[in-house]
C-alpha atoms as a PDB file:
ATOM      1  CA  MET A   1       6.226   5.736 -38.544  1.00  0.00           C
ATOM      2  CA  ILE A   2       2.835   7.219 -39.437  1.00  0.00           C
ATOM      3  CA  GLU A   3       2.227  10.474 -37.592  1.00  0.00           C
ATOM      4  CA  PRO A   4      -1.233  11.703 -36.520  1.00  0.00           C
ATOM      5  CA  ARG A   5      -0.693  15.091 -38.205  1.00  0.00           C
ATOM      6  CA  HIS A   6      -0.206  13.332 -41.536  1.00  0.00           C
ATOM      7  CA  LEU A   7      -3.479  11.453 -41.072  1.00  0.00           C
ATOM      8  CA  ARG A   8      -5.285  14.727 -40.361  1.00  0.00           C
ATOM      9  CA  VAL A   9      -3.965  16.242 -43.590  1.00  0.00           C
ATOM     10  CA  LEU A  10      -4.827  13.090 -45.572  1.00  0.00           C
ATOM     11  CA  ARG A  11      -8.417  13.191 -44.345  1.00  0.00           C
ATOM     12  CA  THR A  12      -8.683  16.837 -45.372  1.00  0.00           C
ATOM     13  CA  VAL A  13      -7.245  16.139 -48.846  1.00  0.00           C
ATOM     14  CA  ALA A  14      -9.691  13.249 -49.260  1.00  0.00           C
ATOM     15  CA  ALA A  15     -12.607  15.472 -48.186  1.00  0.00           C
ATOM     16  CA  THR A  16     -11.660  18.507 -50.332  1.00  0.00           C
ATOM     17  CA  GLY A  17     -10.203  16.706 -53.340  1.00  0.00           C
ATOM     18  CA  SER A  18      -7.007  18.725 -53.787  1.00  0.00           C
ATOM     19  CA  PHE A  19      -3.868  19.939 -52.076  1.00  0.00           C
ATOM     20  CA  SER A  20      -4.782  23.597 -52.584  1.00  0.00           C
ATOM     21  CA  ALA A  21      -8.271  23.182 -51.136  1.00  0.00           C
ATOM     22  CA  ALA A  22      -6.859  21.197 -48.209  1.00  0.00           C
ATOM     23  CA  ALA A  23      -4.309  23.961 -47.617  1.00  0.00           C
ATOM     24  CA  ARG A  24      -7.084  26.573 -47.436  1.00  0.00           C
ATOM     25  CA  GLU A  25      -9.044  24.355 -45.042  1.00  0.00           C
ATOM     26  CA  LEU A  26      -6.021  23.784 -42.819  1.00  0.00           C
ATOM     27  CA  GLY A  27      -4.685  27.339 -42.987  1.00  0.00           C
ATOM     28  CA  CYS A  28      -1.315  26.416 -44.472  1.00  0.00           C
ATOM     29  CA  THR A  29       0.382  26.453 -47.871  1.00  0.00           C
ATOM     30  CA  GLN A  30      -0.142  23.992 -50.738  1.00  0.00           C
ATOM     31  CA  PRO A  31       3.571  22.969 -50.715  1.00  0.00           C
ATOM     32  CA  ALA A  32       3.287  22.175 -46.995  1.00  0.00           C
ATOM     33  CA  VAL A  33       0.366  19.820 -47.693  1.00  0.00           C
ATOM     34  CA  SER A  34       2.272  18.194 -50.547  1.00  0.00           C
ATOM     35  CA  GLN A  35       5.342  17.735 -48.333  1.00  0.00           C
ATOM     36  CA  GLN A  36       3.319  16.084 -45.559  1.00  0.00           C
ATOM     37  CA  MET A  37       1.696  13.672 -48.038  1.00  0.00           C
ATOM     38  CA  LYS A  38       5.124  12.698 -49.370  1.00  0.00           C
ATOM     39  CA  ALA A  39       6.267  12.047 -45.781  1.00  0.00           C
ATOM     40  CA  LEU A  40       3.161   9.913 -45.189  1.00  0.00           C
ATOM     41  CA  GLU A  41       3.833   7.852 -48.312  1.00  0.00           C
ATOM     42  CA  GLN A  42       7.434   7.326 -47.233  1.00  0.00           C
ATOM     43  CA  SER A  43       6.237   6.102 -43.827  1.00  0.00           C
ATOM     44  CA  ALA A  44       3.569   3.865 -45.360  1.00  0.00           C
ATOM     45  CA  GLY A  45       5.916   2.539 -48.042  1.00  0.00           C
ATOM     46  CA  THR A  46       3.258   2.904 -50.728  1.00  0.00           C
ATOM     47  CA  PRO A  47       1.359   5.697 -52.541  1.00  0.00           C
ATOM     48  CA  VAL A  48      -1.762   6.915 -50.763  1.00  0.00           C
ATOM     49  CA  LEU A  49      -2.935   9.481 -53.355  1.00  0.00           C
ATOM     50  CA  VAL A  50      -3.025   9.598 -57.169  1.00  0.00           C
ATOM     51  CA  ARG A  51      -3.868  12.549 -59.400  1.00  0.00           C
ATOM     52  CA  ALA A  52      -6.988  12.190 -61.508  1.00  0.00           C
ATOM     53  CA  GLY A  53      -7.324  15.328 -63.599  1.00  0.00           C
ATOM     54  CA  ARG A  54      -7.483  18.234 -61.213  1.00  0.00           C
ATOM     55  CA  GLU A  55      -8.413  16.055 -58.238  1.00  0.00           C
ATOM     56  CA  MET A  56      -6.470  13.845 -55.880  1.00  0.00           C
ATOM     57  CA  ARG A  57      -7.944  10.416 -55.312  1.00  0.00           C
ATOM     58  CA  LEU A  58      -7.148   7.863 -52.652  1.00  0.00           C
ATOM     59  CA  THR A  59      -5.356   4.643 -53.463  1.00  0.00           C
ATOM     60  CA  GLU A  60      -6.482   1.470 -51.729  1.00  0.00           C
ATOM     61  CA  ALA A  61      -3.828   2.119 -49.069  1.00  0.00           C
ATOM     62  CA  GLY A  62      -5.062   5.705 -48.745  1.00  0.00           C
ATOM     63  CA  GLU A  63      -8.635   4.502 -48.277  1.00  0.00           C
ATOM     64  CA  ALA A  64      -7.495   2.130 -45.521  1.00  0.00           C
ATOM     65  CA  LEU A  65      -5.667   4.956 -43.746  1.00  0.00           C
ATOM     66  CA  VAL A  66      -8.643   7.310 -43.959  1.00  0.00           C
ATOM     67  CA  ARG A  67     -10.947   4.546 -42.727  1.00  0.00           C
ATOM     68  CA  HIS A  68      -8.795   3.998 -39.634  1.00  0.00           C
ATOM     69  CA  ALA A  69      -7.844   7.652 -39.180  1.00  0.00           C
ATOM     70  CA  ALA A  70     -11.180   8.598 -37.600  1.00  0.00           C
ATOM     71  CA  GLY A  71     -10.771   6.119 -34.752  1.00  0.00           C
ATOM     72  CA  ILE A  72      -7.070   6.871 -34.307  1.00  0.00           C
ATOM     73  CA  LEU A  73      -7.545  10.631 -34.182  1.00  0.00           C
ATOM     74  CA  ALA A  74     -10.616  10.358 -31.952  1.00  0.00           C
ATOM     75  CA  GLY A  75      -8.670   8.154 -29.531  1.00  0.00           C
ATOM     76  CA  LEU A  76      -5.735  10.558 -29.567  1.00  0.00           C
ATOM     77  CA  THR A  77      -8.033  13.510 -28.866  1.00  0.00           C
ATOM     78  CA  ALA A  78      -9.606  11.632 -25.959  1.00  0.00           C
ATOM     79  CA  ALA A  79      -6.157  10.785 -24.609  1.00  0.00           C
ATOM     80  CA  GLU A  80      -5.028  14.402 -24.913  1.00  0.00           C
ATOM     81  CA  GLU A  81      -8.131  15.583 -23.066  1.00  0.00           C
ATOM     82  CA  GLU A  82      -7.616  13.003 -20.313  1.00  0.00           C
ATOM     83  CA  VAL A  83      -3.970  13.954 -19.877  1.00  0.00           C
ATOM     84  CA  ALA A  84      -4.931  17.634 -19.782  1.00  0.00           C
ATOM     85  CA  ALA A  85      -7.470  16.809 -17.066  1.00  0.00           C
ATOM     86  CA  LEU A  86      -4.855  14.952 -15.057  1.00  0.00           C
ATOM     87  CA  ALA A  87      -2.321  17.752 -15.461  1.00  0.00           C
ATOM     88  CA  GLY A  88      -4.957  20.269 -14.387  1.00  0.00           C
ATOM     89  CA  LEU A  89      -6.018  18.094 -11.417  1.00  0.00           C
ATOM     90  CA  ARG A  90      -9.552  17.854 -12.796  1.00  0.00           C
ATOM     91  CA  ALA A  91      -9.193  14.064 -12.690  1.00  0.00           C
ATOM     92  CA  GLY A  92      -6.824  11.379 -11.480  1.00  0.00           C
ATOM     93  CA  ARG A  93      -6.257   9.301  -8.390  1.00  0.00           C
ATOM     94  CA  VAL A  94      -3.825   9.037  -5.517  1.00  0.00           C
ATOM     95  CA  ARG A  95      -3.602   5.808  -3.522  1.00  0.00           C
ATOM     96  CA  LEU A  96      -2.212   6.288  -0.016  1.00  0.00           C
ATOM     97  CA  VAL A  97      -0.775   3.676   2.312  1.00  0.00           C
ATOM     98  CA  SER A  98      -0.258   4.792   5.901  1.00  0.00           C
ATOM     99  CA  PHE A  99       0.602   3.402   9.308  1.00  0.00           C
ATOM    100  CA  PRO A 100      -2.370   3.601  11.734  1.00  0.00           C
ATOM    101  CA  SER A 101      -1.423   6.678  13.788  1.00  0.00           C
ATOM    102  CA  GLY A 102      -0.708   8.581  10.578  1.00  0.00           C
ATOM    103  CA  SER A 103      -4.081   7.490   9.199  1.00  0.00           C
ATOM    104  CA  SER A 104      -5.918   8.944  12.176  1.00  0.00           C
ATOM    105  CA  THR A 105      -3.987  12.215  12.504  1.00  0.00           C
ATOM    106  CA  LEU A 106      -2.320  13.442   9.299  1.00  0.00           C
ATOM    107  CA  VAL A 107      -4.358  11.773   6.585  1.00  0.00           C
ATOM    108  CA  PRO A 108      -7.874  13.095   7.379  1.00  0.00           C
ATOM    109  CA  THR A 109      -6.785  16.758   7.317  1.00  0.00           C
ATOM    110  CA  ALA A 110      -4.691  16.286   4.176  1.00  0.00           C
ATOM    111  CA  VAL A 111      -7.360  14.378   2.248  1.00  0.00           C
ATOM    112  CA  ALA A 112     -10.065  16.885   3.227  1.00  0.00           C
ATOM    113  CA  ALA A 113      -7.883  19.725   1.903  1.00  0.00           C
ATOM    114  CA  MET A 114      -7.161  17.800  -1.290  1.00  0.00           C
ATOM    115  CA  ARG A 115     -10.840  17.113  -1.879  1.00  0.00           C
ATOM    116  CA  ALA A 116     -11.742  20.773  -1.277  1.00  0.00           C
ATOM    117  CA  ASP A 117      -9.058  22.063  -3.657  1.00  0.00           C
ATOM    118  CA  HIS A 118      -9.258  19.324  -6.319  1.00  0.00           C
ATOM    119  CA  PRO A 119     -12.608  17.518  -6.111  1.00  0.00           C
ATOM    120  CA  GLY A 120     -11.950  15.648  -9.358  1.00  0.00           C
ATOM    121  CA  THR A 121      -8.991  13.775  -7.878  1.00  0.00           C
ATOM    122  CA  ARG A 122      -9.869  10.508  -6.113  1.00  0.00           C
ATOM    123  CA  VAL A 123      -7.881   9.649  -2.987  1.00  0.00           C
ATOM    124  CA  SER A 124      -7.991   6.207  -1.372  1.00  0.00           C
ATOM    125  CA  LEU A 125      -6.332   4.801   1.761  1.00  0.00           C
ATOM    126  CA  VAL A 126      -5.212   1.432   3.059  1.00  0.00           C
ATOM    127  CA  GLU A 127      -3.161   0.786   6.189  1.00  0.00           C
ATOM    128  CA  ALA A 128       0.197  -0.921   6.433  1.00  0.00           C
ATOM    129  CA  GLU A 129       3.257  -0.479   8.624  1.00  0.00           C
ATOM    130  CA  PRO A 130       6.722  -0.055   7.112  1.00  0.00           C
ATOM    131  CA  PRO A 131       8.457  -1.930   5.568  1.00  0.00           C
ATOM    132  CA  ARG A 132       5.291  -3.453   4.081  1.00  0.00           C
ATOM    133  CA  SER A 133       4.023  -0.035   2.989  1.00  0.00           C
ATOM    134  CA  VAL A 134       7.327   0.675   1.229  1.00  0.00           C
ATOM    135  CA  ASP A 135       7.138  -2.678  -0.555  1.00  0.00           C
ATOM    136  CA  MET A 136       3.632  -1.756  -1.740  1.00  0.00           C
ATOM    137  CA  LEU A 137       4.948   1.534  -3.148  1.00  0.00           C
ATOM    138  CA  ARG A 138       7.699  -0.198  -5.093  1.00  0.00           C
ATOM    139  CA  ALA A 139       5.238  -2.830  -6.344  1.00  0.00           C
ATOM    140  CA  GLY A 140       2.951  -0.161  -7.798  1.00  0.00           C
ATOM    141  CA  ASP A 141       0.123  -0.706  -5.304  1.00  0.00           C
ATOM    142  CA  CYS A 142       0.112   2.948  -4.208  1.00  0.00           C
ATOM    143  CA  GLU A 143       1.463   6.341  -5.189  1.00  0.00           C
ATOM    144  CA  ILE A 144       2.379   7.592  -1.695  1.00  0.00           C
ATOM    145  CA  ALA A 145       3.437   5.688   1.410  1.00  0.00           C
ATOM    146  CA  LEU A 146       3.455   7.317   4.840  1.00  0.00           C
ATOM    147  CA  ALA A 147       6.230   5.720   6.845  1.00  0.00           C
ATOM    148  CA  PHE A 148       8.537   6.360   9.773  1.00  0.00           C
ATOM    149  CA  ARG A 149      12.117   5.628  10.704  1.00  0.00           C
ATOM    150  CA  TYR A 150      14.169   5.855  13.851  1.00  0.00           C
ATOM    151  CA  ASP A 151      17.478   6.134  12.008  1.00  0.00           C
ATOM    152  CA  ALA A 152      18.509   6.982   8.458  1.00  0.00           C
ATOM    153  CA  ALA A 153      17.229   4.242   6.183  1.00  0.00           C
ATOM    154  CA  PRO A 154      19.593   3.539   3.245  1.00  0.00           C
ATOM    155  CA  GLU A 155      16.972   1.180   1.808  1.00  0.00           C
ATOM    156  CA  TRP A 156      15.003   4.317   0.837  1.00  0.00           C
ATOM    157  CA  ASP A 157      17.780   5.787  -1.312  1.00  0.00           C
ATOM    158  CA  ASP A 158      15.867   5.006  -4.509  1.00  0.00           C
ATOM    159  CA  LEU A 159      12.762   6.881  -3.310  1.00  0.00           C
ATOM    160  CA  VAL A 160      11.698  10.502  -2.979  1.00  0.00           C
ATOM    161  CA  VAL A 161      11.565  11.207   0.769  1.00  0.00           C
ATOM    162  CA  ARG A 162       9.392  14.125   1.933  1.00  0.00           C
ATOM    163  CA  PRO A 163      10.040  14.732   5.685  1.00  0.00           C
ATOM    164  CA  LEU A 164       6.813  15.602   7.503  1.00  0.00           C
ATOM    165  CA  LEU A 165       7.528  15.813  11.238  1.00  0.00           C
ATOM    166  CA  THR A 166       9.575  14.528  14.139  1.00  0.00           C
ATOM    167  CA  ASP A 167       7.417  12.379  16.394  1.00  0.00           C
ATOM    168  CA  ARG A 168       8.666  12.075  19.970  1.00  0.00           C
ATOM    169  CA  LEU A 169       7.918   8.923  21.931  1.00  0.00           C
ATOM    170  CA  VAL A 170       6.265   9.317  25.329  1.00  0.00           C
ATOM    171  CA  GLY A 171       5.905   6.931  28.234  1.00  0.00           C
ATOM    172  CA  LEU A 172       2.517   5.652  29.390  1.00  0.00           C
ATOM    173  CA  VAL A 173       1.961   4.541  32.979  1.00  0.00           C
ATOM    174  CA  PRO A 174      -1.228   3.648  34.891  1.00  0.00           C
ATOM    175  CA  GLU A 175      -2.934   6.535  36.732  1.00  0.00           C
ATOM    176  CA  GLY A 176      -2.027   5.111  40.134  1.00  0.00           C
ATOM    177  CA  HIS A 177       1.621   4.528  39.217  1.00  0.00           C
ATOM    178  CA  ALA A 178       4.405   6.100  41.283  1.00  0.00           C
ATOM    179  CA  PHE A 179       5.486   8.154  38.223  1.00  0.00           C
ATOM    180  CA  ALA A 180       1.978   9.140  37.078  1.00  0.00           C
ATOM    181  CA  ASP A 181       2.477  12.775  38.139  1.00  0.00           C
ATOM    182  CA  ALA A 182       6.137  13.023  37.154  1.00  0.00           C
ATOM    183  CA  THR A 183       7.242  15.600  34.576  1.00  0.00           C
ATOM    184  CA  GLU A 184       9.694  13.148  33.064  1.00  0.00           C
ATOM    185  CA  VAL A 185      10.985   9.667  33.783  1.00  0.00           C
ATOM    186  CA  GLY A 186      14.325   8.070  32.968  1.00  0.00           C
ATOM    187  CA  ILE A 187      13.582   4.923  31.008  1.00  0.00           C
ATOM    188  CA  GLY A 188      16.039   3.006  33.201  1.00  0.00           C
ATOM    189  CA  THR A 189      13.798   3.572  36.232  1.00  0.00           C
ATOM    190  CA  LEU A 190      11.160   1.404  34.524  1.00  0.00           C
ATOM    191  CA  ALA A 191      13.501  -1.578  34.210  1.00  0.00           C
ATOM    192  CA  GLU A 192      11.511  -3.789  36.602  1.00  0.00           C
ATOM    193  CA  GLU A 193       8.109  -2.984  35.105  1.00  0.00           C
ATOM    194  CA  PRO A 194       6.115  -5.319  32.857  1.00  0.00           C
ATOM    195  CA  TRP A 195       6.012  -3.806  29.351  1.00  0.00           C
ATOM    196  CA  ILE A 196       3.380  -3.577  26.649  1.00  0.00           C
ATOM    197  CA  ALA A 197       4.901  -3.282  23.189  1.00  0.00           C
ATOM    198  CA  GLY A 198       3.519  -2.076  19.872  1.00  0.00           C
ATOM    199  CA  CYS A 199       4.196  -2.984  16.231  1.00  0.00           C
ATOM    200  CA  PRO A 200       7.181  -5.257  15.422  1.00  0.00           C
ATOM    201  CA  ARG A 201       9.387  -2.368  14.283  1.00  0.00           C
ATOM    202  CA  CYS A 202       8.493  -0.304  17.393  1.00  0.00           C
ATOM    203  CA  ARG A 203       9.053  -3.394  19.534  1.00  0.00           C
ATOM    204  CA  ARG A 204      12.578  -3.861  18.188  1.00  0.00           C
ATOM    205  CA  HIS A 205      13.360  -0.222  18.779  1.00  0.00           C
ATOM    206  CA  LEU A 206      12.012  -0.406  22.355  1.00  0.00           C
ATOM    207  CA  VAL A 207      14.323  -3.321  23.124  1.00  0.00           C
ATOM    208  CA  GLU A 208      17.297  -1.433  21.637  1.00  0.00           C
ATOM    209  CA  VAL A 209      16.571   1.699  23.683  1.00  0.00           C
ATOM    210  CA  CYS A 210      16.120  -0.297  26.903  1.00  0.00           C
ATOM    211  CA  GLU A 211      19.293  -2.271  26.314  1.00  0.00           C
ATOM    212  CA  GLU A 212      21.201   0.980  25.822  1.00  0.00           C
ATOM    213  CA  ALA A 213      19.814   2.002  29.230  1.00  0.00           C
ATOM    214  CA  GLY A 214      21.190  -1.227  30.726  1.00  0.00           C
ATOM    215  CA  PHE A 215      18.219  -3.615  30.854  1.00  0.00           C
ATOM    216  CA  THR A 216      16.112  -5.895  28.703  1.00  0.00           C
ATOM    217  CA  PRO A 217      12.401  -5.152  29.005  1.00  0.00           C
ATOM    218  CA  ARG A 218      10.045  -7.911  30.090  1.00  0.00           C
ATOM    219  CA  ILE A 219       7.373  -7.695  27.411  1.00  0.00           C
ATOM    220  CA  ASP A 220       4.181  -9.302  28.713  1.00  0.00           C
ATOM    221  CA  PHE A 221       1.864  -8.042  25.955  1.00  0.00           C
ATOM    222  CA  ALA A 222       2.480  -7.108  22.326  1.00  0.00           C
ATOM    223  CA  THR A 223      -0.140  -5.648  20.005  1.00  0.00           C
ATOM    224  CA  ASP A 224      -0.244  -3.509  16.848  1.00  0.00           C
ATOM    225  CA  ASP A 225      -3.430  -1.857  18.131  1.00  0.00           C
ATOM    226  CA  TYR A 226      -2.614   1.407  19.923  1.00  0.00           C
ATOM    227  CA  PRO A 227      -5.971   1.648  21.746  1.00  0.00           C
ATOM    228  CA  ALA A 228      -5.273  -1.850  23.076  1.00  0.00           C
ATOM    229  CA  VAL A 229      -1.867  -0.705  24.367  1.00  0.00           C
ATOM    230  CA  VAL A 230      -3.501   2.233  26.160  1.00  0.00           C
ATOM    231  CA  GLY A 231      -6.233  -0.024  27.532  1.00  0.00           C
ATOM    232  CA  LEU A 232      -3.723  -2.491  28.925  1.00  0.00           C
ATOM    233  CA  VAL A 233      -1.723   0.304  30.561  1.00  0.00           C
ATOM    234  CA  GLY A 234      -4.929   1.854  31.923  1.00  0.00           C
ATOM    235  CA  ALA A 235      -5.856  -1.494  33.462  1.00  0.00           C
ATOM    236  CA  GLY A 236      -2.570  -1.471  35.391  1.00  0.00           C
ATOM    237  CA  LEU A 237      -1.012  -4.331  33.433  1.00  0.00           C
ATOM    238  CA  GLY A 238       2.217  -2.604  32.517  1.00  0.00           C
ATOM    239  CA  VAL A 239       3.929   0.450  31.059  1.00  0.00           C
ATOM    240  CA  ALA A 240       4.541   1.397  27.454  1.00  0.00           C
ATOM    241  CA  VAL A 241       6.252   3.856  25.170  1.00  0.00           C
ATOM    242  CA  LEU A 242       4.169   5.212  22.290  1.00  0.00           C
ATOM    243  CA  PRO A 243       4.651   7.885  19.617  1.00  0.00           C
ATOM    244  CA  GLU A 244       2.896  11.172  20.349  1.00  0.00           C
ATOM    245  CA  LEU A 245       0.871  10.758  17.138  1.00  0.00           C
ATOM    246  CA  ALA A 246      -0.530   7.520  18.515  1.00  0.00           C
ATOM    247  CA  VAL A 247      -1.347   9.090  21.876  1.00  0.00           C
ATOM    248  CA  GLU A 248      -3.127  11.966  20.099  1.00  0.00           C
ATOM    249  CA  SER A 249      -5.379   9.552  18.248  1.00  0.00           C
ATOM    250  CA  VAL A 250      -6.686   7.544  21.246  1.00  0.00           C
ATOM    251  CA  ARG A 251      -8.326   8.251  24.597  1.00  0.00           C
ATOM    252  CA  THR A 252      -5.801   7.678  27.365  1.00  0.00           C
ATOM    253  CA  LYS A 253      -8.413   6.622  29.917  1.00  0.00           C
ATOM    254  CA  GLY A 254      -6.728   5.213  33.014  1.00  0.00           C
ATOM    255  CA  ALA A 255      -3.242   6.023  31.697  1.00  0.00           C
ATOM    256  CA  ARG A 256      -0.914   9.010  32.053  1.00  0.00           C
ATOM    257  CA  ALA A 257       1.588  10.217  29.445  1.00  0.00           C
ATOM    258  CA  VAL A 258       5.028  11.204  30.783  1.00  0.00           C
ATOM    259  CA  ARG A 259       8.152  12.403  29.034  1.00  0.00           C
ATOM    260  CA  VAL A 260      10.916   9.789  28.953  1.00  0.00           C
ATOM    261  CA  THR A 261      14.660  10.395  28.938  1.00  0.00           C
ATOM    262  CA  PRO A 262      16.847  10.046  27.042  1.00  0.00           C
ATOM    263  CA  ALA A 263      14.616  11.495  24.324  1.00  0.00           C
ATOM    264  CA  VAL A 264      13.486   8.933  21.769  1.00  0.00           C
ATOM    265  CA  GLN A 265      11.966  10.064  18.497  1.00  0.00           C
ATOM    266  CA  ARG A 266      11.134   8.911  15.016  1.00  0.00           C
ATOM    267  CA  GLU A 267      10.949  10.760  11.712  1.00  0.00           C
ATOM    268  CA  VAL A 268       7.612  10.603   9.884  1.00  0.00           C
ATOM    269  CA  VAL A 269       7.912  10.917   6.114  1.00  0.00           C
ATOM    270  CA  ALA A 270       5.923  10.586   2.918  1.00  0.00           C
ATOM    271  CA  LEU A 271       7.538   8.422   0.258  1.00  0.00           C
ATOM    272  CA  THR A 272       6.959   8.204  -3.474  1.00  0.00           C
ATOM    273  CA  LEU A 273       8.841   7.039  -6.571  1.00  0.00           C
ATOM    274  CA  PRO A 274      10.924   9.572  -8.543  1.00  0.00           C
ATOM    275  CA  ASP A 275       8.684   9.289 -11.630  1.00  0.00           C
ATOM    276  CA  LEU A 276       5.514   9.672  -9.563  1.00  0.00           C
ATOM    277  CA  ASP A 277       6.898  12.810  -7.931  1.00  0.00           C
ATOM    278  CA  GLN A 278       6.317  14.587 -11.270  1.00  0.00           C
ATOM    279  CA  VAL A 279       2.600  13.672 -11.394  1.00  0.00           C
ATOM    280  CA  PRO A 280       0.532  16.764 -10.451  1.00  0.00           C
ATOM    281  CA  ALA A 281      -1.967  14.904  -8.250  1.00  0.00           C
ATOM    282  CA  VAL A 282       0.822  13.182  -6.313  1.00  0.00           C
ATOM    283  CA  GLY A 283       2.669  16.467  -5.802  1.00  0.00           C
ATOM    284  CA  ALA A 284      -0.512  18.157  -4.615  1.00  0.00           C
ATOM    285  CA  MET A 285      -1.197  15.358  -2.125  1.00  0.00           C
ATOM    286  CA  LEU A 286       2.368  15.514  -0.785  1.00  0.00           C
ATOM    287  CA  ASP A 287       1.981  19.258  -0.257  1.00  0.00           C
ATOM    288  CA  ARG A 288      -1.222  18.765   1.719  1.00  0.00           C
ATOM    289  CA  LEU A 289       0.337  16.064   3.882  1.00  0.00           C
ATOM    290  CA  ALA A 290       3.185  18.472   4.665  1.00  0.00           C
ATOM    291  CA  ALA A 291       0.665  21.207   5.530  1.00  0.00           C
ATOM    292  CA  ALA A 292      -1.245  18.825   7.800  1.00  0.00           C
ATOM    293  CA  ALA A 293       2.009  17.933   9.565  1.00  0.00           C
ATOM    294  CA  ARG A 294       2.846  21.611  10.117  1.00  0.00           C
ATOM    295  CA  ARG A 295      -0.519  22.105  11.805  1.00  0.00           C
END
């Protein structure tokens, strides 16, 4: 295998005409230059230099190597500089995928901090709920996925899981509802109410929680759009349970938030692949998401 350091020495020998002159140019000994040229010839499988009097001249193979060496070494230098920029966070990109309430609460603060600290790193965002966001991470469509889970998820065992916060679910009732001014409400007391449900995963969890409380909710409306859920509750069309992050991100006009018992919560996490966890820009973005969650 031809090594870049051998090509550098060969170019210097070709330019100076001798091993001793090349050694002075490179700041090493003449035997070291000779040894590297022997290693290059072994890798190439053919002589690259011949002695002509006191000078060293290139063979046809040597001329071909010198001709290509400029482009090879220039490309390697460019690659080294680019990698150094990435390692120093002077360049690079981080693609985020987040569920909507995370996009409107955690992501803006985290991305603003990342841009202030590392303006050379590009951060982009698309929205997707888990498990779609997790599939996108595994497919290479993003470097970080913000996701949530209600219980431990063994399907994430191959990923790096960075816990961000525990997001409690709160009840939403219309302003004129009998429980609008209550401090907390047992979810079983809402058994006869029409329900408005959120995303498919949240919907399944709502049904599970209600069934544990002894009833099956009558879901009249289902929408992934949290403002729509709040609007439907505010119009008196039903009750809902939403994560606090979602309630923070929308105006609850016409609706009141109440604590529900038993407590229902979900864990919000940032996910990445083990190899990506070692990339400086990804690590920096994960740190800023954690800081945003703490605030």
